Amino acid sequence: MRLIYHPDAELELIDAARFYEDRVQGLGRQFLDASDDGVSLIQAAPSSSASLKTM
């Protein structure tokens, strides 16, 4: 399944990675890798994750 981020969420993810990378070299990449790992877990077993209802 292909994941498409909302543009605002994608910008926030990139900004967070830059923030971490500015503090410690390589930490931004670790942050993005951890995010990818989490997304992969959800995609592998979507029913095992909590769902949120929007208003």
PDB file of N, CA and C in Angstrom:
ATOM      1  N   MET A   1       0.851  -1.173   0.000  1.00  0.00           N
ATOM      2  CA  MET A   1       0.000   0.000   0.000  1.00  0.00           C
ATOM      3  C   MET A   1       0.902   1.243   0.000  1.00  0.00           C
ATOM      4  N   ARG A   2       0.552   2.187  -0.804  1.00  0.00           N
ATOM      5  CA  ARG A   2       1.310   3.429  -0.897  1.00  0.00           C
ATOM      6  C   ARG A   2       0.757   4.428   0.116  1.00  0.00           C
ATOM      7  N   LEU A   3       1.648   5.028   0.879  1.00  0.00           N
ATOM      8  CA  LEU A   3       1.245   6.007   1.886  1.00  0.00           C
ATOM      9  C   LEU A   3       1.381   7.405   1.307  1.00  0.00           C
ATOM     10  N   ILE A   4       0.346   8.194   1.476  1.00  0.00           N
ATOM     11  CA  ILE A   4       0.380   9.595   1.047  1.00  0.00           C
ATOM     12  C   ILE A   4       0.153  10.456   2.277  1.00  0.00           C
ATOM     13  N   TYR A   5       1.129  11.300   2.570  1.00  0.00           N
ATOM     14  CA  TYR A   5       1.015  12.206   3.709  1.00  0.00           C
ATOM     15  C   TYR A   5       0.251  13.462   3.309  1.00  0.00           C
ATOM     16  N   HIS A   6      -0.532  13.979   4.223  1.00  0.00           N
ATOM     17  CA  HIS A   6      -1.125  15.304   4.036  1.00  0.00           C
ATOM     18  C   HIS A   6       0.045  16.280   3.924  1.00  0.00           C
ATOM     19  N   PRO A   7      -0.019  17.266   3.039  1.00  0.00           N
ATOM     20  CA  PRO A   7       1.106  18.195   2.867  1.00  0.00           C
ATOM     21  C   PRO A   7       1.576  18.846   4.168  1.00  0.00           C
ATOM     22  N   ASP A   8       0.645  19.208   5.043  1.00  0.00           N
ATOM     23  CA  ASP A   8       1.035  19.825   6.321  1.00  0.00           C
ATOM     24  C   ASP A   8       1.772  18.825   7.216  1.00  0.00           C
ATOM     25  N   ALA A   9       1.312  17.580   7.209  1.00  0.00           N
ATOM     26  CA  ALA A   9       1.970  16.547   8.022  1.00  0.00           C
ATOM     27  C   ALA A   9       3.366  16.255   7.493  1.00  0.00           C
ATOM     28  N   GLU A  10       3.499  16.228   6.181  1.00  0.00           N
ATOM     29  CA  GLU A  10       4.813  15.979   5.576  1.00  0.00           C
ATOM     30  C   GLU A  10       5.795  17.094   5.933  1.00  0.00           C
ATOM     31  N   LEU A  11       5.339  18.347   5.862  1.00  0.00           N
ATOM     32  CA  LEU A  11       6.197  19.468   6.237  1.00  0.00           C
ATOM     33  C   LEU A  11       6.597  19.407   7.705  1.00  0.00           C
ATOM     34  N   GLU A  12       5.656  19.022   8.559  1.00  0.00           N
ATOM     35  CA  GLU A  12       5.950  18.912   9.987  1.00  0.00           C
ATOM     36  C   GLU A  12       6.973  17.803  10.249  1.00  0.00           C
ATOM     37  N   LEU A  13       6.849  16.695   9.544  1.00  0.00           N
ATOM     38  CA  LEU A  13       7.804  15.594   9.682  1.00  0.00           C
ATOM     39  C   LEU A  13       9.199  16.032   9.238  1.00  0.00           C
ATOM     40  N   ILE A  14       9.281  16.716   8.114  1.00  0.00           N
ATOM     41  CA  ILE A  14      10.572  17.212   7.611  1.00  0.00           C
ATOM     42  C   ILE A  14      11.164  18.235   8.565  1.00  0.00           C
ATOM     43  N   ASP A  15      10.339  19.147   9.058  1.00  0.00           N
ATOM     44  CA  ASP A  15      10.826  20.157  10.014  1.00  0.00           C
ATOM     45  C   ASP A  15      11.369  19.505  11.283  1.00  0.00           C
ATOM     46  N   ALA A  16      10.674  18.478  11.765  1.00  0.00           N
ATOM     47  CA  ALA A  16      11.136  17.786  12.967  1.00  0.00           C
ATOM     48  C   ALA A  16      12.475  17.095  12.704  1.00  0.00           C
ATOM     49  N   ALA A  17      12.612  16.464  11.550  1.00  0.00           N
ATOM     50  CA  ALA A  17      13.874  15.803  11.212  1.00  0.00           C
ATOM     51  C   ALA A  17      15.010  16.820  11.127  1.00  0.00           C
ATOM     52  N   ARG A  18      14.740  17.958  10.543  1.00  0.00           N
ATOM     53  CA  ARG A  18      15.772  19.017  10.469  1.00  0.00           C
ATOM     54  C   ARG A  18      16.144  19.511  11.863  1.00  0.00           C
ATOM     55  N   PHE A  19      15.147  19.670  12.724  1.00  0.00           N
ATOM     56  CA  PHE A  19      15.391  20.104  14.095  1.00  0.00           C
ATOM     57  C   PHE A  19      16.364  19.145  14.778  1.00  0.00           C
ATOM     58  N   TYR A  20      16.072  17.852  14.693  1.00  0.00           N
ATOM     59  CA  TYR A  20      16.944  16.863  15.331  1.00  0.00           C
ATOM     60  C   TYR A  20      18.317  16.812  14.680  1.00  0.00           C
ATOM     61  N   GLU A  21      18.368  16.934  13.380  1.00  0.00           N
ATOM     62  CA  GLU A  21      19.645  16.884  12.667  1.00  0.00           C
ATOM     63  C   GLU A  21      20.517  18.085  13.027  1.00  0.00           C
ATOM     64  N   ASP A  22      19.889  19.233  13.268  1.00  0.00           N
ATOM     65  CA  ASP A  22      20.639  20.435  13.671  1.00  0.00           C
ATOM     66  C   ASP A  22      21.277  20.267  15.043  1.00  0.00           C
ATOM     67  N   ARG A  23      20.712  19.400  15.860  1.00  0.00           N
ATOM     68  CA  ARG A  23      21.249  19.196  17.201  1.00  0.00           C
ATOM     69  C   ARG A  23      22.338  18.136  17.239  1.00  0.00           C
ATOM     70  N   VAL A  24      22.112  17.045  16.543  1.00  0.00           N
ATOM     71  CA  VAL A  24      23.078  15.942  16.527  1.00  0.00           C
ATOM     72  C   VAL A  24      23.098  15.352  15.115  1.00  0.00           C
ATOM     73  N   GLN A  25      24.265  15.311  14.512  1.00  0.00           N
ATOM     74  CA  GLN A  25      24.386  14.763  13.167  1.00  0.00           C
ATOM     75  C   GLN A  25      23.910  13.304  13.153  1.00  0.00           C
ATOM     76  N   GLY A  26      23.026  13.006  12.224  1.00  0.00           N
ATOM     77  CA  GLY A  26      22.487  11.666  12.090  1.00  0.00           C
ATOM     78  C   GLY A  26      21.188  11.441  12.836  1.00  0.00           C
ATOM     79  N   LEU A  27      20.854  12.322  13.774  1.00  0.00           N
ATOM     80  CA  LEU A  27      19.640  12.142  14.566  1.00  0.00           C
ATOM     81  C   LEU A  27      18.379  12.374  13.734  1.00  0.00           C
ATOM     82  N   GLY A  28      18.450  13.274  12.769  1.00  0.00           N
ATOM     83  CA  GLY A  28      17.309  13.492  11.883  1.00  0.00           C
ATOM     84  C   GLY A  28      16.986  12.246  11.083  1.00  0.00           C
ATOM     85  N   ARG A  29      18.021  11.573  10.587  1.00  0.00           N
ATOM     86  CA  ARG A  29      17.836  10.327   9.838  1.00  0.00           C
ATOM     87  C   ARG A  29      17.263   9.248  10.745  1.00  0.00           C
ATOM     88  N   GLN A  30      17.751   9.168  11.987  1.00  0.00           N
ATOM     89  CA  GLN A  30      17.224   8.182  12.931  1.00  0.00           C
ATOM     90  C   GLN A  30      15.739   8.438  13.201  1.00  0.00           C
ATOM     91  N   PHE A  31      15.379   9.705  13.309  1.00  0.00           N
ATOM     92  CA  PHE A  31      13.985  10.075  13.536  1.00  0.00           C
ATOM     93  C   PHE A  31      13.117   9.622  12.361  1.00  0.00           C
ATOM     94  N   LEU A  32      13.562   9.893  11.134  1.00  0.00           N
ATOM     95  CA  LEU A  32      12.792   9.494   9.959  1.00  0.00           C
ATOM     96  C   LEU A  32      12.719   7.970   9.842  1.00  0.00           C
ATOM     97  N   ASP A  33      13.806   7.282  10.161  1.00  0.00           N
ATOM     98  CA  ASP A  33      13.791   5.816  10.137  1.00  0.00           C
ATOM     99  C   ASP A  33      12.786   5.267  11.147  1.00  0.00           C
ATOM    100  N   ALA A  34      12.749   5.848  12.336  1.00  0.00           N
ATOM    101  CA  ALA A  34      11.795   5.407  13.363  1.00  0.00           C
ATOM    102  C   ALA A  34      10.359   5.670  12.907  1.00  0.00           C
ATOM    103  N   SER A  35      10.147   6.803  12.263  1.00  0.00           N
ATOM    104  CA  SER A  35       8.824   7.118  11.734  1.00  0.00           C
ATOM    105  C   SER A  35       8.427   6.098  10.666  1.00  0.00           C
ATOM    106  N   ASP A  36       9.342   5.792   9.756  1.00  0.00           N
ATOM    107  CA  ASP A  36       9.075   4.796   8.715  1.00  0.00           C
ATOM    108  C   ASP A  36       8.777   3.426   9.325  1.00  0.00           C
ATOM    109  N   ASP A  37       9.519   3.062  10.366  1.00  0.00           N
ATOM    110  CA  ASP A  37       9.280   1.781  11.041  1.00  0.00           C
ATOM    111  C   ASP A  37       7.868   1.726  11.619  1.00  0.00           C
ATOM    112  N   GLY A  38       7.448   2.814  12.235  1.00  0.00           N
ATOM    113  CA  GLY A  38       6.100   2.871  12.805  1.00  0.00           C
ATOM    114  C   GLY A  38       5.028   2.754  11.737  1.00  0.00           C
ATOM    115  N   VAL A  39       5.217   3.456  10.637  1.00  0.00           N
ATOM    116  CA  VAL A  39       4.258   3.391   9.532  1.00  0.00           C
ATOM    117  C   VAL A  39       4.214   1.974   8.965  1.00  0.00           C
ATOM    118  N   SER A  40       5.374   1.339   8.831  1.00  0.00           N
ATOM    119  CA  SER A  40       5.422  -0.029   8.305  1.00  0.00           C
ATOM    120  C   SER A  40       4.659  -0.997   9.200  1.00  0.00           C
ATOM    121  N   LEU A  41       4.790  -0.831  10.507  1.00  0.00           N
ATOM    122  CA  LEU A  41       4.039  -1.685  11.439  1.00  0.00           C
ATOM    123  C   LEU A  41       2.533  -1.503  11.276  1.00  0.00           C
ATOM    124  N   ILE A  42       2.111  -0.270  11.132  1.00  0.00           N
ATOM    125  CA  ILE A  42       0.682   0.013  10.959  1.00  0.00           C
ATOM    126  C   ILE A  42       0.184  -0.563   9.642  1.00  0.00           C
ATOM    127  N   GLN A  43       0.984  -0.409   8.577  1.00  0.00           N
ATOM    128  CA  GLN A  43       0.569  -0.941   7.279  1.00  0.00           C
ATOM    129  C   GLN A  43       0.519  -2.470   7.286  1.00  0.00           C
ATOM    130  N   ALA A  44       1.410  -3.106   8.031  1.00  0.00           N
ATOM    131  CA  ALA A  44       1.446  -4.563   8.084  1.00  0.00           C
ATOM    132  C   ALA A  44       0.254  -5.133   8.846  1.00  0.00           C
ATOM    133  N   ALA A  45      -0.216  -4.413   9.829  1.00  0.00           N
ATOM    134  CA  ALA A  45      -1.337  -4.897  10.651  1.00  0.00           C
ATOM    135  C   ALA A  45      -2.233  -3.727  11.041  1.00  0.00           C
ATOM    136  N   PRO A  46      -2.958  -3.165  10.105  1.00  0.00           N
ATOM    137  CA  PRO A  46      -3.736  -1.962  10.391  1.00  0.00           C
ATOM    138  C   PRO A  46      -4.794  -2.127  11.465  1.00  0.00           C
ATOM    139  N   SER A  47      -5.332  -3.314  11.622  1.00  0.00           N
ATOM    140  CA  SER A  47      -6.386  -3.506  12.624  1.00  0.00           C
ATOM    141  C   SER A  47      -5.818  -3.579  14.042  1.00  0.00           C
ATOM    142  N   SER A  48      -4.499  -3.670  14.181  1.00  0.00           N
ATOM    143  CA  SER A  48      -3.900  -3.721  15.505  1.00  0.00           C
ATOM    144  C   SER A  48      -3.641  -2.333  16.086  1.00  0.00           C
ATOM    145  N   SER A  49      -3.870  -1.313  15.281  1.00  0.00           N
ATOM    146  CA  SER A  49      -3.627   0.069  15.718  1.00  0.00           C
ATOM    147  C   SER A  49      -4.942   0.746  16.056  1.00  0.00           C
ATOM    148  N   ALA A  50      -4.859   1.688  16.952  1.00  0.00           N
ATOM    149  CA  ALA A  50      -6.054   2.446  17.322  1.00  0.00           C
ATOM    150  C   ALA A  50      -6.458   3.343  16.156  1.00  0.00           C
ATOM    151  N   SER A  51      -7.737   3.517  15.984  1.00  0.00           N
ATOM    152  CA  SER A  51      -8.208   4.443  14.966  1.00  0.00           C
ATOM    153  C   SER A  51      -8.793   5.667  15.635  1.00  0.00           C
ATOM    154  N   LEU A  52      -8.664   6.775  14.951  1.00  0.00           N
ATOM    155  CA  LEU A  52      -9.180   8.040  15.483  1.00  0.00           C
ATOM    156  C   LEU A  52     -10.373   8.460  14.666  1.00  0.00           C
ATOM    157  N   LYS A  53     -11.375   8.934  15.347  1.00  0.00           N
ATOM    158  CA  LYS A  53     -12.542   9.458  14.656  1.00  0.00           C
ATOM    159  C   LYS A  53     -12.395  10.954  14.547  1.00  0.00           C
ATOM    160  N   THR A  54     -12.623  11.473  13.356  1.00  0.00           N
ATOM    161  CA  THR A  54     -12.554  12.914  13.174  1.00  0.00           C
ATOM    162  C   THR A  54     -13.937  13.505  13.329  1.00  0.00           C
ATOM    163  N   MET A  55     -13.966  14.749  13.702  1.00  0.00           N
ATOM    164  CA  MET A  55     -15.249  15.421  13.931  1.00  0.00           C
ATOM    165  C   MET A  55     -15.826  15.933  12.648  1.00  0.00           C
TER     166      MET A  55
END
